[in-house]
Amino acid sequence: MEASSNRQIETGRVIVTEWRFTPGAETGYHVHDHDYVVVPLATGVVRVVEPSGDEREVEMLAGASYAGPAGVAHNLINTNEYEFGFVEVELRESGPASTS
């Protein structure tokens, strides 16, 4: 089951996407093209699956942001018994600023 995404803003400088995961839903394996910041909308636990196949459980706290660098590769899986979501802000290196 795949997580749903809703791209809210895309400019020359940022991409803002809201991700929603039903129980058991996942992003699928992906590589981040840009540095990014994630803002969880709820408190919950996600399973992070690394390219090597290693897995770890990560607690995410509502409103407690974290950042990652471009090049991070993983799959995220909602291990909660409820819908989980976060907003991801990707930071492009350059480009014109605009509001959308």
PDB file of N, CA and C in Angstrom:
ATOM      1  N   MET A   1       0.848  -1.171   0.000  1.00  0.00           N
ATOM      2  CA  MET A   1       0.000   0.000   0.000  1.00  0.00           C
ATOM      3  C   MET A   1       0.899   1.241   0.000  1.00  0.00           C
ATOM      4  N   GLU A   2       0.607   2.151  -0.885  1.00  0.00           N
ATOM      5  CA  GLU A   2       1.463   3.329  -1.042  1.00  0.00           C
ATOM      6  C   GLU A   2       0.909   4.527  -0.276  1.00  0.00           C
ATOM      7  N   ALA A   3       1.817   5.293   0.323  1.00  0.00           N
ATOM      8  CA  ALA A   3       1.446   6.544   0.983  1.00  0.00           C
ATOM      9  C   ALA A   3       0.953   7.525  -0.080  1.00  0.00           C
ATOM     10  N   SER A   4       0.096   8.456   0.319  1.00  0.00           N
ATOM     11  CA  SER A   4      -0.374   9.467  -0.626  1.00  0.00           C
ATOM     12  C   SER A   4       0.387  10.762  -0.390  1.00  0.00           C
ATOM     13  N   SER A   5       0.621  11.473  -1.476  1.00  0.00           N
ATOM     14  CA  SER A   5       1.334  12.738  -1.372  1.00  0.00           C
ATOM     15  C   SER A   5       0.535  13.831  -2.062  1.00  0.00           C
ATOM     16  N   ASN A   6       0.634  15.038  -1.516  1.00  0.00           N
ATOM     17  CA  ASN A   6      -0.030  16.194  -2.079  1.00  0.00           C
ATOM     18  C   ASN A   6       0.983  17.331  -2.128  1.00  0.00           C
ATOM     19  N   ARG A   7       1.469  17.634  -3.324  1.00  0.00           N
ATOM     20  CA  ARG A   7       2.420  18.731  -3.473  1.00  0.00           C
ATOM     21  C   ARG A   7       1.669  20.030  -3.284  1.00  0.00           C
ATOM     22  N   GLN A   8       2.061  20.784  -2.256  1.00  0.00           N
ATOM     23  CA  GLN A   8       1.363  22.014  -1.915  1.00  0.00           C
ATOM     24  C   GLN A   8       1.977  23.238  -2.573  1.00  0.00           C
ATOM     25  N   ILE A   9       3.293  23.267  -2.646  1.00  0.00           N
ATOM     26  CA  ILE A   9       4.012  24.419  -3.209  1.00  0.00           C
ATOM     27  C   ILE A   9       5.223  23.894  -3.962  1.00  0.00           C
ATOM     28  N   GLU A  10       5.477  24.475  -5.120  1.00  0.00           N
ATOM     29  CA  GLU A  10       6.732  24.204  -5.821  1.00  0.00           C
ATOM     30  C   GLU A  10       7.189  25.501  -6.463  1.00  0.00           C
ATOM     31  N   THR A  11       8.364  25.957  -6.026  1.00  0.00           N
ATOM     32  CA  THR A  11       8.965  27.161  -6.592  1.00  0.00           C
ATOM     33  C   THR A  11      10.383  26.813  -7.023  1.00  0.00           C
ATOM     34  N   GLY A  12      11.104  27.803  -7.474  1.00  0.00           N
ATOM     35  CA  GLY A  12      12.497  27.588  -7.826  1.00  0.00           C
ATOM     36  C   GLY A  12      13.372  27.310  -6.621  1.00  0.00           C
ATOM     37  N   ARG A  13      12.855  27.546  -5.410  1.00  0.00           N
ATOM     38  CA  ARG A  13      13.668  27.381  -4.202  1.00  0.00           C
ATOM     39  C   ARG A  13      13.195  26.272  -3.272  1.00  0.00           C
ATOM     40  N   VAL A  14      11.894  25.966  -3.251  1.00  0.00           N
ATOM     41  CA  VAL A  14      11.378  24.940  -2.330  1.00  0.00           C
ATOM     42  C   VAL A  14      10.312  24.082  -2.993  1.00  0.00           C
ATOM     43  N   ILE A  15      10.173  22.869  -2.459  1.00  0.00           N
ATOM     44  CA  ILE A  15       9.067  21.978  -2.796  1.00  0.00           C
ATOM     45  C   ILE A  15       8.460  21.547  -1.461  1.00  0.00           C
ATOM     46  N   VAL A  16       7.170  21.788  -1.277  1.00  0.00           N
ATOM     47  CA  VAL A  16       6.487  21.425  -0.036  1.00  0.00           C
ATOM     48  C   VAL A  16       5.444  20.356  -0.373  1.00  0.00           C
ATOM     49  N   THR A  17       5.570  19.201   0.288  1.00  0.00           N
ATOM     50  CA  THR A  17       4.680  18.073   0.027  1.00  0.00           C
ATOM     51  C   THR A  17       4.114  17.545   1.340  1.00  0.00           C
ATOM     52  N   GLU A  18       2.811  17.335   1.391  1.00  0.00           N
ATOM     53  CA  GLU A  18       2.193  16.683   2.542  1.00  0.00           C
ATOM     54  C   GLU A  18       2.079  15.193   2.228  1.00  0.00           C
ATOM     55  N   TRP A  19       2.566  14.369   3.145  1.00  0.00           N
ATOM     56  CA  TRP A  19       2.510  12.913   3.016  1.00  0.00           C
ATOM     57  C   TRP A  19       1.525  12.362   4.031  1.00  0.00           C
ATOM     58  N   ARG A  20       0.674  11.433   3.602  1.00  0.00           N
ATOM     59  CA  ARG A  20      -0.291  10.750   4.468  1.00  0.00           C
ATOM     60  C   ARG A  20      -0.115   9.243   4.298  1.00  0.00           C
ATOM     61  N   PHE A  21      -0.068   8.546   5.431  1.00  0.00           N
ATOM     62  CA  PHE A  21       0.141   7.102   5.446  1.00  0.00           C
ATOM     63  C   PHE A  21      -0.984   6.424   6.217  1.00  0.00           C
ATOM     64  N   THR A  22      -1.762   5.592   5.568  1.00  0.00           N
ATOM     65  CA  THR A  22      -2.677   4.738   6.306  1.00  0.00           C
ATOM     66  C   THR A  22      -1.819   3.679   7.005  1.00  0.00           C
ATOM     67  N   PRO A  23      -2.359   2.946   7.969  1.00  0.00           N
ATOM     68  CA  PRO A  23      -1.549   1.912   8.626  1.00  0.00           C
ATOM     69  C   PRO A  23      -0.938   0.939   7.594  1.00  0.00           C
ATOM     70  N   GLY A  24       0.367   0.743   7.688  1.00  0.00           N
ATOM     71  CA  GLY A  24       1.079  -0.148   6.776  1.00  0.00           C
ATOM     72  C   GLY A  24       1.510   0.478   5.464  1.00  0.00           C
ATOM     73  N   ALA A  25       1.066   1.695   5.171  1.00  0.00           N
ATOM     74  CA  ALA A  25       1.442   2.344   3.910  1.00  0.00           C
ATOM     75  C   ALA A  25       2.905   2.754   3.939  1.00  0.00           C
ATOM     76  N   GLU A  26       3.504   2.863   2.754  1.00  0.00           N
ATOM     77  CA  GLU A  26       4.922   3.201   2.654  1.00  0.00           C
ATOM     78  C   GLU A  26       5.191   4.129   1.478  1.00  0.00           C
ATOM     79  N   THR A  27       6.336   4.805   1.549  1.00  0.00           N
ATOM     80  CA  THR A  27       6.722   5.709   0.464  1.00  0.00           C
ATOM     81  C   THR A  27       7.242   4.947  -0.733  1.00  0.00           C
ATOM     82  N   GLY A  28       7.794   3.775  -0.490  1.00  0.00           N
ATOM     83  CA  GLY A  28       8.558   3.087  -1.523  1.00  0.00           C
ATOM     84  C   GLY A  28       9.989   3.592  -1.453  1.00  0.00           C
ATOM     85  N   TYR A  29      10.922   2.767  -1.901  1.00  0.00           N
ATOM     86  CA  TYR A  29      12.333   3.139  -1.865  1.00  0.00           C
ATOM     87  C   TYR A  29      12.540   4.379  -2.730  1.00  0.00           C
ATOM     88  N   HIS A  30      13.242   5.370  -2.189  1.00  0.00           N
ATOM     89  CA  HIS A  30      13.513   6.602  -2.938  1.00  0.00           C
ATOM     90  C   HIS A  30      14.808   7.240  -2.441  1.00  0.00           C
ATOM     91  N   VAL A  31      15.358   8.118  -3.264  1.00  0.00           N
ATOM     92  CA  VAL A  31      16.562   8.876  -2.936  1.00  0.00           C
ATOM     93  C   VAL A  31      16.192  10.350  -2.959  1.00  0.00           C
ATOM     94  N   HIS A  32      16.555  11.065  -1.899  1.00  0.00           N
ATOM     95  CA  HIS A  32      16.257  12.499  -1.830  1.00  0.00           C
ATOM     96  C   HIS A  32      17.209  13.273  -2.736  1.00  0.00           C
ATOM     97  N   ASP A  33      16.628  14.041  -3.660  1.00  0.00           N
ATOM     98  CA  ASP A  33      17.426  14.856  -4.582  1.00  0.00           C
ATOM     99  C   ASP A  33      17.891  16.163  -3.950  1.00  0.00           C
ATOM    100  N   HIS A  34      17.251  16.565  -2.854  1.00  0.00           N
ATOM    101  CA  HIS A  34      17.533  17.856  -2.229  1.00  0.00           C
ATOM    102  C   HIS A  34      17.660  17.685  -0.717  1.00  0.00           C
ATOM    103  N   ASP A  35      18.347  18.621  -0.065  1.00  0.00           N
ATOM    104  CA  ASP A  35      18.269  18.700   1.389  1.00  0.00           C
ATOM    105  C   ASP A  35      16.794  18.879   1.732  1.00  0.00           C
ATOM    106  N   TYR A  36      16.398  18.383   2.913  1.00  0.00           N
ATOM    107  CA  TYR A  36      14.976  18.445   3.245  1.00  0.00           C
ATOM    108  C   TYR A  36      14.753  18.605   4.741  1.00  0.00           C
ATOM    109  N   VAL A  37      13.562  19.107   5.071  1.00  0.00           N
ATOM    110  CA  VAL A  37      13.098  19.231   6.452  1.00  0.00           C
ATOM    111  C   VAL A  37      11.741  18.543   6.511  1.00  0.00           C
ATOM    112  N   VAL A  38      11.527  17.738   7.560  1.00  0.00           N
ATOM    113  CA  VAL A  38      10.258  17.049   7.765  1.00  0.00           C
ATOM    114  C   VAL A  38       9.619  17.567   9.054  1.00  0.00           C
ATOM    115  N   VAL A  39       8.322  17.894   8.972  1.00  0.00           N
ATOM    116  CA  VAL A  39       7.557  18.352  10.130  1.00  0.00           C
ATOM    117  C   VAL A  39       6.409  17.353  10.344  1.00  0.00           C
ATOM    118  N   PRO A  40       6.516  16.460  11.339  1.00  0.00           N
ATOM    119  CA  PRO A  40       5.449  15.495  11.594  1.00  0.00           C
ATOM    120  C   PRO A  40       4.159  16.194  12.027  1.00  0.00           C
ATOM    121  N   LEU A  41       3.033  15.696  11.520  1.00  0.00           N
ATOM    122  CA  LEU A  41       1.728  16.250  11.873  1.00  0.00           C
ATOM    123  C   LEU A  41       1.119  15.521  13.062  1.00  0.00           C
ATOM    124  N   ALA A  42       1.673  14.387  13.409  1.00  0.00           N
ATOM    125  CA  ALA A  42       1.207  13.585  14.540  1.00  0.00           C
ATOM    126  C   ALA A  42       2.429  12.909  15.151  1.00  0.00           C
ATOM    127  N   THR A  43       2.279  12.415  16.351  1.00  0.00           N
ATOM    128  CA  THR A  43       3.343  11.623  16.970  1.00  0.00           C
ATOM    129  C   THR A  43       3.118  10.165  16.589  1.00  0.00           C
ATOM    130  N   GLY A  44       4.183   9.507  16.180  1.00  0.00           N
ATOM    131  CA  GLY A  44       4.067   8.110  15.788  1.00  0.00           C
ATOM    132  C   GLY A  44       5.425   7.507  15.491  1.00  0.00           C
ATOM    133  N   VAL A  45       5.390   6.257  15.076  1.00  0.00           N
ATOM    134  CA  VAL A  45       6.614   5.520  14.769  1.00  0.00           C
ATOM    135  C   VAL A  45       6.579   5.101  13.304  1.00  0.00           C
ATOM    136  N   VAL A  46       7.694   5.296  12.618  1.00  0.00           N
ATOM    137  CA  VAL A  46       7.837   4.798  11.250  1.00  0.00           C
ATOM    138  C   VAL A  46       9.014   3.836  11.213  1.00  0.00           C
ATOM    139  N   ARG A  47       8.899   2.860  10.327  1.00  0.00           N
ATOM    140  CA  ARG A  47      10.021   1.943  10.083  1.00  0.00           C
ATOM    141  C   ARG A  47      10.797   2.508   8.900  1.00  0.00           C
ATOM    142  N   VAL A  48      12.098   2.651   9.071  1.00  0.00           N
ATOM    143  CA  VAL A  48      12.982   3.128   8.019  1.00  0.00           C
ATOM    144  C   VAL A  48      13.743   1.921   7.484  1.00  0.00           C
ATOM    145  N   VAL A  49      13.612   1.661   6.187  1.00  0.00           N
ATOM    146  CA  VAL A  49      14.310   0.555   5.547  1.00  0.00           C
ATOM    147  C   VAL A  49      15.414   1.144   4.679  1.00  0.00           C
ATOM    148  N   GLU A  50      16.645   0.797   5.006  1.00  0.00           N
ATOM    149  CA  GLU A  50      17.825   1.317   4.309  1.00  0.00           C
ATOM    150  C   GLU A  50      18.084   0.502   3.033  1.00  0.00           C
ATOM    151  N   PRO A  51      18.875   1.030   2.096  1.00  0.00           N
ATOM    152  CA  PRO A  51      19.195   0.285   0.873  1.00  0.00           C
ATOM    153  C   PRO A  51      19.835  -1.080   1.154  1.00  0.00           C
ATOM    154  N   SER A  52      20.542  -1.195   2.265  1.00  0.00           N
ATOM    155  CA  SER A  52      21.191  -2.463   2.637  1.00  0.00           C
ATOM    156  C   SER A  52      20.181  -3.498   3.123  1.00  0.00           C
ATOM    157  N   GLY A  53      18.933  -3.049   3.366  1.00  0.00           N
ATOM    158  CA  GLY A  53      17.922  -3.934   3.930  1.00  0.00           C
ATOM    159  C   GLY A  53      17.802  -3.792   5.434  1.00  0.00           C
ATOM    160  N   ASP A  54      18.755  -3.085   6.062  1.00  0.00           N
ATOM    161  CA  ASP A  54      18.667  -2.840   7.501  1.00  0.00           C
ATOM    162  C   ASP A  54      17.407  -2.026   7.788  1.00  0.00           C
ATOM    163  N   GLU A  55      16.776  -2.310   8.929  1.00  0.00           N
ATOM    164  CA  GLU A  55      15.561  -1.610   9.330  1.00  0.00           C
ATOM    165  C   GLU A  55      15.726  -1.045  10.727  1.00  0.00           C
ATOM    166  N   ARG A  56      15.064   0.093  10.966  1.00  0.00           N
ATOM    167  CA  ARG A  56      15.055   0.666  12.311  1.00  0.00           C
ATOM    168  C   ARG A  56      13.732   1.385  12.508  1.00  0.00           C
ATOM    169  N   GLU A  57      13.297   1.420  13.755  1.00  0.00           N
ATOM    170  CA  GLU A  57      12.067   2.121  14.110  1.00  0.00           C
ATOM    171  C   GLU A  57      12.456   3.518  14.598  1.00  0.00           C
ATOM    172  N   VAL A  58      11.743   4.526  14.109  1.00  0.00           N
ATOM    173  CA  VAL A  58      12.041   5.909  14.473  1.00  0.00           C
ATOM    174  C   VAL A  58      10.763   6.570  14.986  1.00  0.00           C
ATOM    175  N   GLU A  59      10.836   7.120  16.196  1.00  0.00           N
ATOM    176  CA  GLU A  59       9.698   7.864  16.737  1.00  0.00           C
ATOM    177  C   GLU A  59       9.760   9.292  16.209  1.00  0.00           C
ATOM    178  N   MET A  60       8.631   9.762  15.700  1.00  0.00           N
ATOM    179  CA  MET A  60       8.517  11.126  15.214  1.00  0.00           C
ATOM    180  C   MET A  60       7.491  11.830  16.085  1.00  0.00           C
ATOM    181  N   LEU A  61       7.851  13.006  16.593  1.00  0.00           N
ATOM    182  CA  LEU A  61       6.982  13.757  17.497  1.00  0.00           C
ATOM    183  C   LEU A  61       6.288  14.889  16.742  1.00  0.00           C
ATOM    184  N   ALA A  62       4.989  15.040  16.948  1.00  0.00           N
ATOM    185  CA  ALA A  62       4.222  16.086  16.272  1.00  0.00           C
ATOM    186  C   ALA A  62       4.892  17.441  16.455  1.00  0.00           C
ATOM    187  N   GLY A  63       5.159  18.116  15.343  1.00  0.00           N
ATOM    188  CA  GLY A  63       5.733  19.451  15.380  1.00  0.00           C
ATOM    189  C   GLY A  63       7.226  19.520  15.609  1.00  0.00           C
ATOM    190  N   ALA A  64       7.880  18.383  15.891  1.00  0.00           N
ATOM    191  CA  ALA A  64       9.333  18.366  16.135  1.00  0.00           C
ATOM    192  C   ALA A  64      10.046  18.068  14.820  1.00  0.00           C
ATOM    193  N   SER A  65      10.515  19.094  14.163  1.00  0.00           N
ATOM    194  CA  SER A  65      11.134  18.978  12.841  1.00  0.00           C
ATOM    195  C   SER A  65      12.486  18.285  12.901  1.00  0.00           C
ATOM    196  N   TYR A  66      12.850  17.671  11.787  1.00  0.00           N
ATOM    197  CA  TYR A  66      14.204  17.158  11.628  1.00  0.00           C
ATOM    198  C   TYR A  66      14.616  17.383  10.183  1.00  0.00           C
ATOM    199  N   ALA A  67      15.902  17.338   9.924  1.00  0.00           N
ATOM    200  CA  ALA A  67      16.427  17.624   8.586  1.00  0.00           C
ATOM    201  C   ALA A  67      17.300  16.481   8.103  1.00  0.00           C
ATOM    202  N   GLY A  68      17.370  16.346   6.783  1.00  0.00           N
ATOM    203  CA  GLY A  68      18.229  15.344   6.165  1.00  0.00           C
ATOM    204  C   GLY A  68      18.896  15.926   4.932  1.00  0.00           C
ATOM    205  N   PRO A  69      20.031  15.367   4.544  1.00  0.00           N
ATOM    206  CA  PRO A  69      20.754  15.870   3.375  1.00  0.00           C
ATOM    207  C   PRO A  69      20.308  15.197   2.080  1.00  0.00           C
ATOM    208  N   ALA A  70      20.575  15.864   0.975  1.00  0.00           N
ATOM    209  CA  ALA A  70      20.365  15.239  -0.331  1.00  0.00           C
ATOM    210  C   ALA A  70      21.166  13.943  -0.374  1.00  0.00           C
ATOM    211  N   GLY A  71      20.635  12.955  -1.066  1.00  0.00           N
ATOM    212  CA  GLY A  71      21.330  11.679  -1.206  1.00  0.00           C
ATOM    213  C   GLY A  71      20.840  10.599  -0.259  1.00  0.00           C
ATOM    214  N   VAL A  72      20.063  10.972   0.769  1.00  0.00           N
ATOM    215  CA  VAL A  72      19.515   9.969   1.683  1.00  0.00           C
ATOM    216  C   VAL A  72      18.603   9.048   0.879  1.00  0.00           C
ATOM    217  N   ALA A  73      18.761   7.744   1.088  1.00  0.00           N
ATOM    218  CA  ALA A  73      17.956   6.743   0.387  1.00  0.00           C
ATOM    219  C   ALA A  73      17.279   5.851   1.417  1.00  0.00           C
ATOM    220  N   HIS A  74      15.978   5.637   1.261  1.00  0.00           N
ATOM    221  CA  HIS A  74      15.251   4.793   2.205  1.00  0.00           C
ATOM    222  C   HIS A  74      13.815   4.564   1.742  1.00  0.00           C
ATOM    223  N   ASN A  75      13.107   3.726   2.481  1.00  0.00           N
ATOM    224  CA  ASN A  75      11.672   3.530   2.368  1.00  0.00           C
ATOM    225  C   ASN A  75      11.117   3.775   3.761  1.00  0.00           C
ATOM    226  N   LEU A  76      10.024   4.512   3.881  1.00  0.00           N
ATOM    227  CA  LEU A  76       9.380   4.748   5.175  1.00  0.00           C
ATOM    228  C   LEU A  76       8.050   4.010   5.206  1.00  0.00           C
ATOM    229  N   ILE A  77       7.786   3.321   6.321  1.00  0.00           N
ATOM    230  CA  ILE A  77       6.559   2.541   6.487  1.00  0.00           C
ATOM    231  C   ILE A  77       5.872   2.975   7.777  1.00  0.00           C
ATOM    232  N   ASN A  78       4.573   3.233   7.705  1.00  0.00           N
ATOM    233  CA  ASN A  78       3.794   3.589   8.888  1.00  0.00           C
ATOM    234  C   ASN A  78       3.511   2.316   9.680  1.00  0.00           C
ATOM    235  N   THR A  79       4.067   2.207  10.874  1.00  0.00           N
ATOM    236  CA  THR A  79       3.846   1.031  11.718  1.00  0.00           C
ATOM    237  C   THR A  79       2.761   1.273  12.762  1.00  0.00           C
ATOM    238  N   ASN A  80       2.143   2.450  12.729  1.00  0.00           N
ATOM    239  CA  ASN A  80       1.082   2.775  13.679  1.00  0.00           C
ATOM    240  C   ASN A  80      -0.234   2.137  13.254  1.00  0.00           C
ATOM    241  N   GLU A  81      -1.166   2.057  14.177  1.00  0.00           N
ATOM    242  CA  GLU A  81      -2.499   1.536  13.874  1.00  0.00           C
ATOM    243  C   GLU A  81      -3.443   2.662  13.471  1.00  0.00           C
ATOM    244  N   TYR A  82      -2.875   3.812  13.123  1.00  0.00           N
ATOM    245  CA  TYR A  82      -3.665   4.980  12.738  1.00  0.00           C
ATOM    246  C   TYR A  82      -2.930   5.712  11.621  1.00  0.00           C
ATOM    247  N   GLU A  83      -3.666   6.594  10.947  1.00  0.00           N
ATOM    248  CA  GLU A  83      -3.052   7.383   9.878  1.00  0.00           C
ATOM    249  C   GLU A  83      -1.950   8.252  10.462  1.00  0.00           C
ATOM    250  N   PHE A  84      -0.861   8.359   9.741  1.00  0.00           N
ATOM    251  CA  PHE A  84       0.275   9.172  10.146  1.00  0.00           C
ATOM    252  C   PHE A  84       0.621  10.091   8.988  1.00  0.00           C
ATOM    253  N   GLY A  85       1.125  11.280   9.288  1.00  0.00           N
ATOM    254  CA  GLY A  85       1.471  12.191   8.216  1.00  0.00           C
ATOM    255  C   GLY A  85       2.539  13.184   8.608  1.00  0.00           C
ATOM    256  N   PHE A  86       3.154  13.764   7.591  1.00  0.00           N
ATOM    257  CA  PHE A  86       4.124  14.829   7.810  1.00  0.00           C
ATOM    258  C   PHE A  86       4.176  15.731   6.594  1.00  0.00           C
ATOM    259  N   VAL A  87       4.729  16.910   6.795  1.00  0.00           N
ATOM    260  CA  VAL A  87       4.998  17.840   5.705  1.00  0.00           C
ATOM    261  C   VAL A  87       6.494  17.817   5.458  1.00  0.00           C
ATOM    262  N   GLU A  88       6.867  17.648   4.209  1.00  0.00           N
ATOM    263  CA  GLU A  88       8.275  17.627   3.808  1.00  0.00           C
ATOM    264  C   GLU A  88       8.566  18.888   2.989  1.00  0.00           C
ATOM    265  N   VAL A  89       9.617  19.603   3.377  1.00  0.00           N
ATOM    266  CA  VAL A  89      10.053  20.802   2.663  1.00  0.00           C
ATOM    267  C   VAL A  89      11.421  20.500   2.071  1.00  0.00           C
ATOM    268  N   GLU A  90      11.484  20.431   0.735  1.00  0.00           N
ATOM    269  CA  GLU A  90      12.750  20.191   0.045  1.00  0.00           C
ATOM    270  C   GLU A  90      13.358  21.528  -0.354  1.00  0.00           C
ATOM    271  N   LEU A  91      14.659  21.669  -0.156  1.00  0.00           N
ATOM    272  CA  LEU A  91      15.344  22.933  -0.381  1.00  0.00           C
ATOM    273  C   LEU A  91      16.209  22.848  -1.635  1.00  0.00           C
ATOM    274  N   ARG A  92      15.793  23.531  -2.659  1.00  0.00           N
ATOM    275  CA  ARG A  92      16.604  23.573  -3.890  1.00  0.00           C
ATOM    276  C   ARG A  92      17.773  24.517  -3.652  1.00  0.00           C
ATOM    277  N   GLU A  93      18.863  24.289  -4.353  1.00  0.00           N
ATOM    278  CA  GLU A  93      20.074  25.088  -4.126  1.00  0.00           C
ATOM    279  C   GLU A  93      19.922  26.521  -4.589  1.00  0.00           C
ATOM    280  N   SER A  94      19.213  26.737  -5.664  1.00  0.00           N
ATOM    281  CA  SER A  94      19.048  28.102  -6.146  1.00  0.00           C
ATOM    282  C   SER A  94      17.809  28.179  -7.011  1.00  0.00           C
ATOM    283  N   GLY A  95      17.443  29.360  -7.349  1.00  0.00           N
ATOM    284  CA  GLY A  95      16.283  29.575  -8.186  1.00  0.00           C
ATOM    285  C   GLY A  95      15.539  30.797  -7.715  1.00  0.00           C
ATOM    286  N   PRO A  96      14.651  31.292  -8.521  1.00  0.00           N
ATOM    287  CA  PRO A  96      13.919  32.499  -8.143  1.00  0.00           C
ATOM    288  C   PRO A  96      12.931  32.225  -7.026  1.00  0.00           C
ATOM    289  N   ALA A  97      12.817  33.145  -6.119  1.00  0.00           N
ATOM    290  CA  ALA A  97      11.830  33.039  -5.044  1.00  0.00           C
ATOM    291  C   ALA A  97      10.480  33.461  -5.591  1.00  0.00           C
ATOM    292  N   SER A  98       9.445  32.757  -5.210  1.00  0.00           N
ATOM    293  CA  SER A  98       8.089  33.173  -5.554  1.00  0.00           C
ATOM    294  C   SER A  98       7.142  32.558  -4.558  1.00  0.00           C
ATOM    295  N   THR A  99       5.932  33.032  -4.530  1.00  0.00           N
ATOM    296  CA  THR A  99       4.938  32.449  -3.632  1.00  0.00           C
ATOM    297  C   THR A  99       3.858  31.786  -4.466  1.00  0.00           C
ATOM    298  N   SER A 100       3.362  30.681  -3.980  1.00  0.00           N
ATOM    299  CA  SER A 100       2.289  29.967  -4.692  1.00  0.00           C
ATOM    300  C   SER A 100       1.239  29.567  -3.712  1.00  0.00           C
TER     301      SER A 100
END
